Amino acid sequence: MIIGVAGPYSAHTAAQRQENLDKMNEAAARLLELGHIPLIGMNAALPVLEKASVPDPYHCTMEISLAVISACDALLLLAESPGANKERDLMLSLGRPVFGSVEEVVQTV
């Protein structure tokens, strides 16, 4: 199953942002070990935004993240944030499952 991983990214410091991204990547690694294909919208958006000159980086981040998540069969929501909630709402509107933990994925799939 292709499972998107969402959680808070934005934070006051670069170190906190990296910690948030690390949490998403650690969860994605667990999903991969379980035989799933994990995708993280931020991992797709960040390298592009480093090179792009756009007036609203947050908007572009969300557009890329939502495009990535829309290709998934399910979503793992690690914690709520404005962006993660948009990803969750998209999945729910598509009738796809949203899990709250890796353990929930294991129990359900």
PDB file of N, CA and C in Angstrom:
ATOM      1  N   MET A   1       0.846  -1.173   0.000  1.00  0.00           N
ATOM      2  CA  MET A   1       0.000   0.000   0.000  1.00  0.00           C
ATOM      3  C   MET A   1       0.893   1.238   0.000  1.00  0.00           C
ATOM      4  N   ILE A   2       0.504   2.246  -0.759  1.00  0.00           N
ATOM      5  CA  ILE A   2       1.214   3.526  -0.752  1.00  0.00           C
ATOM      6  C   ILE A   2       0.592   4.376   0.353  1.00  0.00           C
ATOM      7  N   ILE A   3       1.412   4.733   1.334  1.00  0.00           N
ATOM      8  CA  ILE A   3       0.921   5.461   2.499  1.00  0.00           C
ATOM      9  C   ILE A   3       1.677   6.780   2.632  1.00  0.00           C
ATOM     10  N   GLY A   4       0.935   7.875   2.585  1.00  0.00           N
ATOM     11  CA  GLY A   4       1.521   9.180   2.834  1.00  0.00           C
ATOM     12  C   GLY A   4       1.753   9.364   4.323  1.00  0.00           C
ATOM     13  N   VAL A   5       2.785  10.112   4.661  1.00  0.00           N
ATOM     14  CA  VAL A   5       3.086  10.410   6.063  1.00  0.00           C
ATOM     15  C   VAL A   5       2.998  11.922   6.238  1.00  0.00           C
ATOM     16  N   ALA A   6       2.174  12.349   7.188  1.00  0.00           N
ATOM     17  CA  ALA A   6       1.976  13.778   7.428  1.00  0.00           C
ATOM     18  C   ALA A   6       2.147  14.085   8.906  1.00  0.00           C
ATOM     19  N   GLY A   7       2.613  15.278   9.151  1.00  0.00           N
ATOM     20  CA  GLY A   7       2.762  15.757  10.523  1.00  0.00           C
ATOM     21  C   GLY A   7       3.240  17.190  10.469  1.00  0.00           C
ATOM     22  N   PRO A   8       3.398  17.808  11.609  1.00  0.00           N
ATOM     23  CA  PRO A   8       3.878  19.187  11.637  1.00  0.00           C
ATOM     24  C   PRO A   8       5.276  19.287  11.033  1.00  0.00           C
ATOM     25  N   TYR A   9       5.511  20.352  10.295  1.00  0.00           N
ATOM     26  CA  TYR A   9       6.858  20.661   9.805  1.00  0.00           C
ATOM     27  C   TYR A   9       7.286  22.031  10.313  1.00  0.00           C
ATOM     28  N   SER A  10       6.455  23.015  10.125  1.00  0.00           N
ATOM     29  CA  SER A  10       6.803  24.393  10.493  1.00  0.00           C
ATOM     30  C   SER A  10       7.168  24.494  11.970  1.00  0.00           C
ATOM     31  N   ALA A  11       8.164  25.323  12.237  1.00  0.00           N
ATOM     32  CA  ALA A  11       8.619  25.541  13.609  1.00  0.00           C
ATOM     33  C   ALA A  11       9.448  26.823  13.626  1.00  0.00           C
ATOM     34  N   HIS A  12       9.774  27.275  14.812  1.00  0.00           N
ATOM     35  CA  HIS A  12      10.499  28.540  14.974  1.00  0.00           C
ATOM     36  C   HIS A  12      11.968  28.451  14.561  1.00  0.00           C
ATOM     37  N   THR A  13      12.559  27.271  14.666  1.00  0.00           N
ATOM     38  CA  THR A  13      13.979  27.146  14.342  1.00  0.00           C
ATOM     39  C   THR A  13      14.207  26.051  13.303  1.00  0.00           C
ATOM     40  N   ALA A  14      15.327  26.152  12.628  1.00  0.00           N
ATOM     41  CA  ALA A  14      15.708  25.130  11.653  1.00  0.00           C
ATOM     42  C   ALA A  14      15.868  23.771  12.331  1.00  0.00           C
ATOM     43  N   ALA A  15      16.402  23.770  13.538  1.00  0.00           N
ATOM     44  CA  ALA A  15      16.580  22.507  14.260  1.00  0.00           C
ATOM     45  C   ALA A  15      15.237  21.844  14.558  1.00  0.00           C
ATOM     46  N   GLN A  16      14.251  22.641  14.937  1.00  0.00           N
ATOM     47  CA  GLN A  16      12.919  22.085  15.205  1.00  0.00           C
ATOM     48  C   GLN A  16      12.271  21.569  13.919  1.00  0.00           C
ATOM     49  N   ARG A  17      12.453  22.294  12.814  1.00  0.00           N
ATOM     50  CA  ARG A  17      11.911  21.825  11.536  1.00  0.00           C
ATOM     51  C   ARG A  17      12.554  20.499  11.146  1.00  0.00           C
ATOM     52  N   GLN A  18      13.868  20.406  11.343  1.00  0.00           N
ATOM     53  CA  GLN A  18      14.566  19.157  11.022  1.00  0.00           C
ATOM     54  C   GLN A  18      14.070  18.018  11.907  1.00  0.00           C
ATOM     55  N   GLU A  19      13.846  18.297  13.181  1.00  0.00           N
ATOM     56  CA  GLU A  19      13.324  17.278  14.094  1.00  0.00           C
ATOM     57  C   GLU A  19      11.947  16.799  13.633  1.00  0.00           C
ATOM     58  N   ASN A  20      11.111  17.726  13.206  1.00  0.00           N
ATOM     59  CA  ASN A  20       9.784  17.357  12.715  1.00  0.00           C
ATOM     60  C   ASN A  20       9.884  16.496  11.457  1.00  0.00           C
ATOM     61  N   LEU A  21      10.769  16.867  10.543  1.00  0.00           N
ATOM     62  CA  LEU A  21      10.951  16.095   9.325  1.00  0.00           C
ATOM     63  C   LEU A  21      11.528  14.717   9.646  1.00  0.00           C
ATOM     64  N   ASP A  22      12.448  14.674  10.597  1.00  0.00           N
ATOM     65  CA  ASP A  22      13.018  13.387  11.012  1.00  0.00           C
ATOM     66  C   ASP A  22      11.939  12.449  11.537  1.00  0.00           C
ATOM     67  N   LYS A  23      10.984  12.966  12.300  1.00  0.00           N
ATOM     68  CA  LYS A  23       9.891  12.129  12.812  1.00  0.00           C
ATOM     69  C   LYS A  23       9.085  11.531  11.668  1.00  0.00           C
ATOM     70  N   MET A  24       8.810  12.341  10.639  1.00  0.00           N
ATOM     71  CA  MET A  24       8.074  11.819   9.485  1.00  0.00           C
ATOM     72  C   MET A  24       8.890  10.749   8.758  1.00  0.00           C
ATOM     73  N   ASN A  25      10.194  11.001   8.594  1.00  0.00           N
ATOM     74  CA  ASN A  25      11.040  10.032   7.901  1.00  0.00           C
ATOM     75  C   ASN A  25      11.225   8.743   8.700  1.00  0.00           C
ATOM     76  N   GLU A  26      11.273   8.850  10.014  1.00  0.00           N
ATOM     77  CA  GLU A  26      11.372   7.651  10.849  1.00  0.00           C
ATOM     78  C   GLU A  26      10.106   6.800  10.724  1.00  0.00           C
ATOM     79  N   ALA A  27       8.951   7.446  10.734  1.00  0.00           N
ATOM     80  CA  ALA A  27       7.689   6.713  10.553  1.00  0.00           C
ATOM     81  C   ALA A  27       7.644   6.094   9.161  1.00  0.00           C
ATOM     82  N   ALA A  28       8.110   6.831   8.164  1.00  0.00           N
ATOM     83  CA  ALA A  28       8.140   6.299   6.800  1.00  0.00           C
ATOM     84  C   ALA A  28       9.053   5.073   6.720  1.00  0.00           C
ATOM     85  N   ALA A  29      10.170   5.122   7.414  1.00  0.00           N
ATOM     86  CA  ALA A  29      11.087   3.977   7.426  1.00  0.00           C
ATOM     87  C   ALA A  29      10.407   2.749   8.031  1.00  0.00           C
ATOM     88  N   ARG A  30       9.646   2.959   9.088  1.00  0.00           N
ATOM     89  CA  ARG A  30       8.909   1.831   9.694  1.00  0.00           C
ATOM     90  C   ARG A  30       7.902   1.249   8.713  1.00  0.00           C
ATOM     91  N   LEU A  31       7.198   2.117   7.991  1.00  0.00           N
ATOM     92  CA  LEU A  31       6.232   1.643   7.001  1.00  0.00           C
ATOM     93  C   LEU A  31       6.928   0.850   5.899  1.00  0.00           C
ATOM     94  N   LEU A  32       8.083   1.334   5.458  1.00  0.00           N
ATOM     95  CA  LEU A  32       8.845   0.626   4.431  1.00  0.00           C
ATOM     96  C   LEU A  32       9.250  -0.756   4.922  1.00  0.00           C
ATOM     97  N   GLU A  33       9.703  -0.835   6.168  1.00  0.00           N
ATOM     98  CA  GLU A  33      10.084  -2.126   6.749  1.00  0.00           C
ATOM     99  C   GLU A  33       8.905  -3.094   6.820  1.00  0.00           C
ATOM    100  N   LEU A  34       7.698  -2.544   6.885  1.00  0.00           N
ATOM    101  CA  LEU A  34       6.490  -3.372   6.924  1.00  0.00           C
ATOM    102  C   LEU A  34       5.985  -3.742   5.522  1.00  0.00           C
ATOM    103  N   GLY A  35       6.685  -3.281   4.499  1.00  0.00           N
ATOM    104  CA  GLY A  35       6.332  -3.638   3.132  1.00  0.00           C
ATOM    105  C   GLY A  35       5.498  -2.617   2.390  1.00  0.00           C
ATOM    106  N   HIS A  36       5.308  -1.437   2.963  1.00  0.00           N
ATOM    107  CA  HIS A  36       4.532  -0.380   2.313  1.00  0.00           C
ATOM    108  C   HIS A  36       5.464   0.586   1.576  1.00  0.00           C
ATOM    109  N   ILE A  37       4.881   1.392   0.715  1.00  0.00           N
ATOM    110  CA  ILE A  37       5.620   2.456   0.028  1.00  0.00           C
ATOM    111  C   ILE A  37       5.228   3.772   0.695  1.00  0.00           C
ATOM    112  N   PRO A  38       6.129   4.373   1.459  1.00  0.00           N
ATOM    113  CA  PRO A  38       5.803   5.643   2.126  1.00  0.00           C
ATOM    114  C   PRO A  38       6.181   6.841   1.260  1.00  0.00           C
ATOM    115  N   LEU A  39       5.341   7.862   1.300  1.00  0.00           N
ATOM    116  CA  LEU A  39       5.609   9.121   0.621  1.00  0.00           C
ATOM    117  C   LEU A  39       5.393  10.271   1.604  1.00  0.00           C
ATOM    118  N   ILE A  40       6.259  11.276   1.523  1.00  0.00           N
ATOM    119  CA  ILE A  40       6.145  12.456   2.382  1.00  0.00           C
ATOM    120  C   ILE A  40       6.143  13.680   1.478  1.00  0.00           C
ATOM    121  N   GLY A  41       5.069  14.441   1.533  1.00  0.00           N
ATOM    122  CA  GLY A  41       4.951  15.620   0.694  1.00  0.00           C
ATOM    123  C   GLY A  41       6.077  16.612   0.895  1.00  0.00           C
ATOM    124  N   MET A  42       6.491  16.803   2.139  1.00  0.00           N
ATOM    125  CA  MET A  42       7.572  17.764   2.418  1.00  0.00           C
ATOM    126  C   MET A  42       8.879  17.335   1.758  1.00  0.00           C
ATOM    127  N   ASN A  43       9.124  16.038   1.671  1.00  0.00           N
ATOM    128  CA  ASN A  43      10.350  15.576   1.031  1.00  0.00           C
ATOM    129  C   ASN A  43      10.352  15.886  -0.457  1.00  0.00           C
ATOM    130  N   ALA A  44       9.177  15.969  -1.055  1.00  0.00           N
ATOM    131  CA  ALA A  44       9.079  16.351  -2.461  1.00  0.00           C
ATOM    132  C   ALA A  44       9.170  17.866  -2.615  1.00  0.00           C
ATOM    133  N   ALA A  45       8.576  18.602  -1.693  1.00  0.00           N
ATOM    134  CA  ALA A  45       8.481  20.054  -1.822  1.00  0.00           C
ATOM    135  C   ALA A  45       9.774  20.788  -1.466  1.00  0.00           C
ATOM    136  N   LEU A  46      10.429  20.401  -0.409  1.00  0.00           N
ATOM    137  CA  LEU A  46      11.567  21.177   0.092  1.00  0.00           C
ATOM    138  C   LEU A  46      12.700  21.365  -0.914  1.00  0.00           C
ATOM    139  N   PRO A  47      13.155  20.320  -1.618  1.00  0.00           N
ATOM    140  CA  PRO A  47      14.256  20.546  -2.569  1.00  0.00           C
ATOM    141  C   PRO A  47      13.864  21.473  -3.721  1.00  0.00           C
ATOM    142  N   VAL A  48      12.606  21.409  -4.136  1.00  0.00           N
ATOM    143  CA  VAL A  48      12.136  22.273  -5.211  1.00  0.00           C
ATOM    144  C   VAL A  48      12.110  23.724  -4.733  1.00  0.00           C
ATOM    145  N   LEU A  49      11.580  23.936  -3.541  1.00  0.00           N
ATOM    146  CA  LEU A  49      11.460  25.297  -3.022  1.00  0.00           C
ATOM    147  C   LEU A  49      12.815  25.929  -2.718  1.00  0.00           C
ATOM    148  N   GLU A  50      13.825  25.104  -2.442  1.00  0.00           N
ATOM    149  CA  GLU A  50      15.179  25.639  -2.252  1.00  0.00           C
ATOM    150  C   GLU A  50      15.679  26.334  -3.509  1.00  0.00           C
ATOM    151  N   LYS A  51      15.237  25.847  -4.663  1.00  0.00           N
ATOM    152  CA  LYS A  51      15.725  26.363  -5.944  1.00  0.00           C
ATOM    153  C   LYS A  51      14.767  27.363  -6.590  1.00  0.00           C
ATOM    154  N   ALA A  52      13.521  27.406  -6.113  1.00  0.00           N
ATOM    155  CA  ALA A  52      12.501  28.229  -6.757  1.00  0.00           C
ATOM    156  C   ALA A  52      12.384  29.600  -6.107  1.00  0.00           C
ATOM    157  N   SER A  53      12.084  30.567  -6.919  1.00  0.00           N
ATOM    158  CA  SER A  53      11.772  31.900  -6.428  1.00  0.00           C
ATOM    159  C   SER A  53      10.279  32.108  -6.652  1.00  0.00           C
ATOM    160  N   VAL A  54       9.515  31.938  -5.590  1.00  0.00           N
ATOM    161  CA  VAL A  54       8.053  32.043  -5.684  1.00  0.00           C
ATOM    162  C   VAL A  54       7.560  33.019  -4.620  1.00  0.00           C
ATOM    163  N   PRO A  55       6.455  33.709  -4.901  1.00  0.00           N
ATOM    164  CA  PRO A  55       5.974  34.715  -3.949  1.00  0.00           C
ATOM    165  C   PRO A  55       5.412  34.123  -2.656  1.00  0.00           C
ATOM    166  N   ASP A  56       4.890  32.900  -2.708  1.00  0.00           N
ATOM    167  CA  ASP A  56       4.267  32.300  -1.524  1.00  0.00           C
ATOM    168  C   ASP A  56       4.766  30.867  -1.347  1.00  0.00           C
ATOM    169  N   PRO A  57       5.922  30.704  -0.705  1.00  0.00           N
ATOM    170  CA  PRO A  57       6.488  29.361  -0.546  1.00  0.00           C
ATOM    171  C   PRO A  57       5.553  28.388   0.173  1.00  0.00           C
ATOM    172  N   TYR A  58       4.806  28.873   1.176  1.00  0.00           N
ATOM    173  CA  TYR A  58       3.894  27.967   1.893  1.00  0.00           C
ATOM    174  C   TYR A  58       2.839  27.415   0.947  1.00  0.00           C
ATOM    175  N   HIS A  59       2.257  28.275   0.124  1.00  0.00           N
ATOM    176  CA  HIS A  59       1.239  27.828  -0.826  1.00  0.00           C
ATOM    177  C   HIS A  59       1.817  26.763  -1.764  1.00  0.00           C
ATOM    178  N   CYS A  60       3.011  27.013  -2.280  1.00  0.00           N
ATOM    179  CA  CYS A  60       3.649  26.056  -3.184  1.00  0.00           C
ATOM    180  C   CYS A  60       3.972  24.746  -2.474  1.00  0.00           C
ATOM    181  N   THR A  61       4.417  24.840  -1.229  1.00  0.00           N
ATOM    182  CA  THR A  61       4.677  23.640  -0.437  1.00  0.00           C
ATOM    183  C   THR A  61       3.422  22.801  -0.314  1.00  0.00           C
ATOM    184  N   MET A  62       2.320  23.459   0.002  1.00  0.00           N
ATOM    185  CA  MET A  62       1.068  22.725   0.178  1.00  0.00           C
ATOM    186  C   MET A  62       0.584  22.132  -1.148  1.00  0.00           C
ATOM    187  N   GLU A  63       0.736  22.855  -2.234  1.00  0.00           N
ATOM    188  CA  GLU A  63       0.311  22.331  -3.536  1.00  0.00           C
ATOM    189  C   GLU A  63       1.079  21.057  -3.876  1.00  0.00           C
ATOM    190  N   ILE A  64       2.393  21.073  -3.668  1.00  0.00           N
ATOM    191  CA  ILE A  64       3.210  19.887  -3.943  1.00  0.00           C
ATOM    192  C   ILE A  64       2.843  18.767  -2.979  1.00  0.00           C
ATOM    193  N   SER A  65       2.742  19.082  -1.702  1.00  0.00           N
ATOM    194  CA  SER A  65       2.413  18.063  -0.697  1.00  0.00           C
ATOM    195  C   SER A  65       1.059  17.422  -0.977  1.00  0.00           C
ATOM    196  N   LEU A  66       0.076  18.230  -1.309  1.00  0.00           N
ATOM    197  CA  LEU A  66      -1.255  17.681  -1.580  1.00  0.00           C
ATOM    198  C   LEU A  66      -1.257  16.824  -2.840  1.00  0.00           C
ATOM    199  N   ALA A  67      -0.469  17.202  -3.837  1.00  0.00           N
ATOM    200  CA  ALA A  67      -0.370  16.384  -5.046  1.00  0.00           C
ATOM    201  C   ALA A  67       0.243  15.020  -4.726  1.00  0.00           C
ATOM    202  N   VAL A  68       1.282  15.017  -3.906  1.00  0.00           N
ATOM    203  CA  VAL A  68       1.913  13.758  -3.503  1.00  0.00           C
ATOM    204  C   VAL A  68       0.923  12.899  -2.718  1.00  0.00           C
ATOM    205  N   ILE A  69       0.260  13.495  -1.744  1.00  0.00           N
ATOM    206  CA  ILE A  69      -0.657  12.743  -0.884  1.00  0.00           C
ATOM    207  C   ILE A  69      -1.850  12.219  -1.677  1.00  0.00           C
ATOM    208  N   SER A  70      -2.279  12.956  -2.682  1.00  0.00           N
ATOM    209  CA  SER A  70      -3.435  12.498  -3.466  1.00  0.00           C
ATOM    210  C   SER A  70      -3.150  11.205  -4.213  1.00  0.00           C
ATOM    211  N   ALA A  71      -1.880  10.872  -4.407  1.00  0.00           N
ATOM    212  CA  ALA A  71      -1.504   9.637  -5.088  1.00  0.00           C
ATOM    213  C   ALA A  71      -1.454   8.436  -4.139  1.00  0.00           C
ATOM    214  N   CYS A  72      -1.700   8.664  -2.862  1.00  0.00           N
ATOM    215  CA  CYS A  72      -1.568   7.605  -1.856  1.00  0.00           C
ATOM    216  C   CYS A  72      -2.882   6.867  -1.627  1.00  0.00           C
ATOM    217  N   ASP A  73      -2.741   5.633  -1.134  1.00  0.00           N
ATOM    218  CA  ASP A  73      -3.897   4.810  -0.786  1.00  0.00           C
ATOM    219  C   ASP A  73      -4.412   5.129   0.614  1.00  0.00           C
ATOM    220  N   ALA A  74      -3.543   5.677   1.458  1.00  0.00           N
ATOM    221  CA  ALA A  74      -3.884   5.971   2.854  1.00  0.00           C
ATOM    222  C   ALA A  74      -2.915   7.025   3.367  1.00  0.00           C
ATOM    223  N   LEU A  75      -3.205   7.530   4.553  1.00  0.00           N
ATOM    224  CA  LEU A  75      -2.358   8.544   5.186  1.00  0.00           C
ATOM    225  C   LEU A  75      -2.078   8.142   6.626  1.00  0.00           C
ATOM    226  N   LEU A  76      -0.836   8.320   7.029  1.00  0.00           N
ATOM    227  CA  LEU A  76      -0.445   8.205   8.428  1.00  0.00           C
ATOM    228  C   LEU A  76      -0.268   9.620   8.951  1.00  0.00           C
ATOM    229  N   LEU A  77      -1.149  10.048   9.841  1.00  0.00           N
ATOM    230  CA  LEU A  77      -1.110  11.388  10.422  1.00  0.00           C
ATOM    231  C   LEU A  77      -0.455  11.292  11.797  1.00  0.00           C
ATOM    232  N   LEU A  78       0.780  11.775  11.908  1.00  0.00           N
ATOM    233  CA  LEU A  78       1.534  11.669  13.158  1.00  0.00           C
ATOM    234  C   LEU A  78       1.042  12.645  14.209  1.00  0.00           C
ATOM    235  N   ALA A  79       0.683  13.847  13.783  1.00  0.00           N
ATOM    236  CA  ALA A  79       0.168  14.881  14.682  1.00  0.00           C
ATOM    237  C   ALA A  79      -0.469  15.952  13.810  1.00  0.00           C
ATOM    238  N   GLU A  80      -1.358  16.712  14.404  1.00  0.00           N
ATOM    239  CA  GLU A  80      -2.054  17.735  13.645  1.00  0.00           C
ATOM    240  C   GLU A  80      -1.218  19.004  13.503  1.00  0.00           C
ATOM    241  N   SER A  81      -1.434  19.674  12.397  1.00  0.00           N
ATOM    242  CA  SER A  81      -0.899  21.006  12.120  1.00  0.00           C
ATOM    243  C   SER A  81      -1.762  21.523  10.979  1.00  0.00           C
ATOM    244  N   PRO A  82      -1.696  22.805  10.680  1.00  0.00           N
ATOM    245  CA  PRO A  82      -2.528  23.291   9.567  1.00  0.00           C
ATOM    246  C   PRO A  82      -2.283  22.532   8.256  1.00  0.00           C
ATOM    247  N   GLY A  83      -1.024  22.320   7.912  1.00  0.00           N
ATOM    248  CA  GLY A  83      -0.723  21.605   6.668  1.00  0.00           C
ATOM    249  C   GLY A  83      -1.088  20.139   6.728  1.00  0.00           C
ATOM    250  N   ALA A  84      -0.743  19.471   7.824  1.00  0.00           N
ATOM    251  CA  ALA A  84      -1.076  18.048   7.971  1.00  0.00           C
ATOM    252  C   ALA A  84      -2.587  17.852   7.968  1.00  0.00           C
ATOM    253  N   ASN A  85      -3.312  18.786   8.552  1.00  0.00           N
ATOM    254  CA  ASN A  85      -4.774  18.685   8.550  1.00  0.00           C
ATOM    255  C   ASN A  85      -5.335  18.826   7.140  1.00  0.00           C
ATOM    256  N   LYS A  86      -4.706  19.643   6.297  1.00  0.00           N
ATOM    257  CA  LYS A  86      -5.141  19.744   4.899  1.00  0.00           C
ATOM    258  C   LYS A  86      -4.930  18.413   4.185  1.00  0.00           C
ATOM    259  N   GLU A  87      -3.812  17.770   4.466  1.00  0.00           N
ATOM    260  CA  GLU A  87      -3.547  16.460   3.862  1.00  0.00           C
ATOM    261  C   GLU A  87      -4.570  15.431   4.360  1.00  0.00           C
ATOM    262  N   ARG A  88      -4.847  15.452   5.644  1.00  0.00           N
ATOM    263  CA  ARG A  88      -5.859  14.556   6.217  1.00  0.00           C
ATOM    264  C   ARG A  88      -7.220  14.796   5.585  1.00  0.00           C
ATOM    265  N   ASP A  89      -7.617  16.050   5.490  1.00  0.00           N
ATOM    266  CA  ASP A  89      -8.931  16.375   4.934  1.00  0.00           C
ATOM    267  C   ASP A  89      -9.039  15.937   3.479  1.00  0.00           C
ATOM    268  N   LEU A  90      -7.951  16.077   2.735  1.00  0.00           N
ATOM    269  CA  LEU A  90      -7.951  15.612   1.349  1.00  0.00           C
ATOM    270  C   LEU A  90      -8.204  14.114   1.298  1.00  0.00           C
ATOM    271  N   MET A  91      -7.477  13.359   2.108  1.00  0.00           N
ATOM    272  CA  MET A  91      -7.647  11.897   2.094  1.00  0.00           C
ATOM    273  C   MET A  91      -9.058  11.492   2.501  1.00  0.00           C
ATOM    274  N   LEU A  92      -9.584  12.142   3.517  1.00  0.00           N
ATOM    275  CA  LEU A  92     -10.944  11.823   3.947  1.00  0.00           C
ATOM    276  C   LEU A  92     -11.950  12.156   2.848  1.00  0.00           C
ATOM    277  N   SER A  93     -11.735  13.262   2.138  1.00  0.00           N
ATOM    278  CA  SER A  93     -12.655  13.633   1.056  1.00  0.00           C
ATOM    279  C   SER A  93     -12.600  12.632  -0.091  1.00  0.00           C
ATOM    280  N   LEU A  94     -11.475  11.930  -0.218  1.00  0.00           N
ATOM    281  CA  LEU A  94     -11.326  10.905  -1.252  1.00  0.00           C
ATOM    282  C   LEU A  94     -11.779   9.527  -0.770  1.00  0.00           C
ATOM    283  N   GLY A  95     -12.213   9.468   0.488  1.00  0.00           N
ATOM    284  CA  GLY A  95     -12.680   8.206   1.051  1.00  0.00           C
ATOM    285  C   GLY A  95     -11.565   7.229   1.374  1.00  0.00           C
ATOM    286  N   ARG A  96     -10.384   7.756   1.596  1.00  0.00           N
ATOM    287  CA  ARG A  96      -9.224   6.899   1.898  1.00  0.00           C
ATOM    288  C   ARG A  96      -8.934   6.933   3.394  1.00  0.00           C
ATOM    289  N   PRO A  97      -8.393   5.846   3.921  1.00  0.00           N
ATOM    290  CA  PRO A  97      -8.176   5.775   5.370  1.00  0.00           C
ATOM    291  C   PRO A  97      -7.063   6.702   5.859  1.00  0.00           C
ATOM    292  N   VAL A  98      -7.259   7.160   7.087  1.00  0.00           N
ATOM    293  CA  VAL A  98      -6.257   7.968   7.788  1.00  0.00           C
ATOM    294  C   VAL A  98      -5.934   7.235   9.085  1.00  0.00           C
ATOM    295  N   PHE A  99      -4.677   6.887   9.255  1.00  0.00           N
ATOM    296  CA  PHE A  99      -4.214   6.184  10.445  1.00  0.00           C
ATOM    297  C   PHE A  99      -3.536   7.159  11.393  1.00  0.00           C
ATOM    298  N   GLY A 100      -3.591   6.852  12.694  1.00  0.00           N
ATOM    299  CA  GLY A 100      -2.990   7.705  13.699  1.00  0.00           C
ATOM    300  C   GLY A 100      -1.648   7.228  14.217  1.00  0.00           C
ATOM    301  N   SER A 101      -1.233   6.019  13.803  1.00  0.00           N
ATOM    302  CA  SER A 101       0.047   5.484  14.249  1.00  0.00           C
ATOM    303  C   SER A 101       0.461   4.339  13.333  1.00  0.00           C
ATOM    304  N   VAL A 102       1.731   4.008  13.359  1.00  0.00           N
ATOM    305  CA  VAL A 102       2.202   2.854  12.589  1.00  0.00           C
ATOM    306  C   VAL A 102       1.527   1.596  13.104  1.00  0.00           C
ATOM    307  N   GLU A 103       1.333   1.509  14.417  1.00  0.00           N
ATOM    308  CA  GLU A 103       0.673   0.344  15.005  1.00  0.00           C
ATOM    309  C   GLU A 103      -0.749   0.174  14.467  1.00  0.00           C
ATOM    310  N   GLU A 104      -1.440   1.284  14.267  1.00  0.00           N
ATOM    311  CA  GLU A 104      -2.790   1.215  13.691  1.00  0.00           C
ATOM    312  C   GLU A 104      -2.754   0.684  12.261  1.00  0.00           C
ATOM    313  N   VAL A 105      -1.733   1.045  11.516  1.00  0.00           N
ATOM    314  CA  VAL A 105      -1.572   0.510  10.156  1.00  0.00           C
ATOM    315  C   VAL A 105      -1.398  -1.003  10.233  1.00  0.00           C
ATOM    316  N   VAL A 106      -0.554  -1.459  11.137  1.00  0.00           N
ATOM    317  CA  VAL A 106      -0.286  -2.895  11.283  1.00  0.00           C
ATOM    318  C   VAL A 106      -1.573  -3.640  11.637  1.00  0.00           C
ATOM    319  N   GLN A 107      -2.364  -3.092  12.539  1.00  0.00           N
ATOM    320  CA  GLN A 107      -3.597  -3.749  12.983  1.00  0.00           C
ATOM    321  C   GLN A 107      -4.676  -3.754  11.916  1.00  0.00           C
ATOM    322  N   THR A 108      -4.672  -2.759  11.041  1.00  0.00           N
ATOM    323  CA  THR A 108      -5.755  -2.599  10.079  1.00  0.00           C
ATOM    324  C   THR A 108      -5.434  -3.282   8.745  1.00  0.00           C
ATOM    325  N   VAL A 109      -4.195  -3.230   8.332  1.00  0.00           N
ATOM    326  CA  VAL A 109      -3.836  -3.727   6.996  1.00  0.00           C
ATOM    327  C   VAL A 109      -3.400  -5.164   7.069  1.00  0.00           C
TER     328      VAL A 109
END
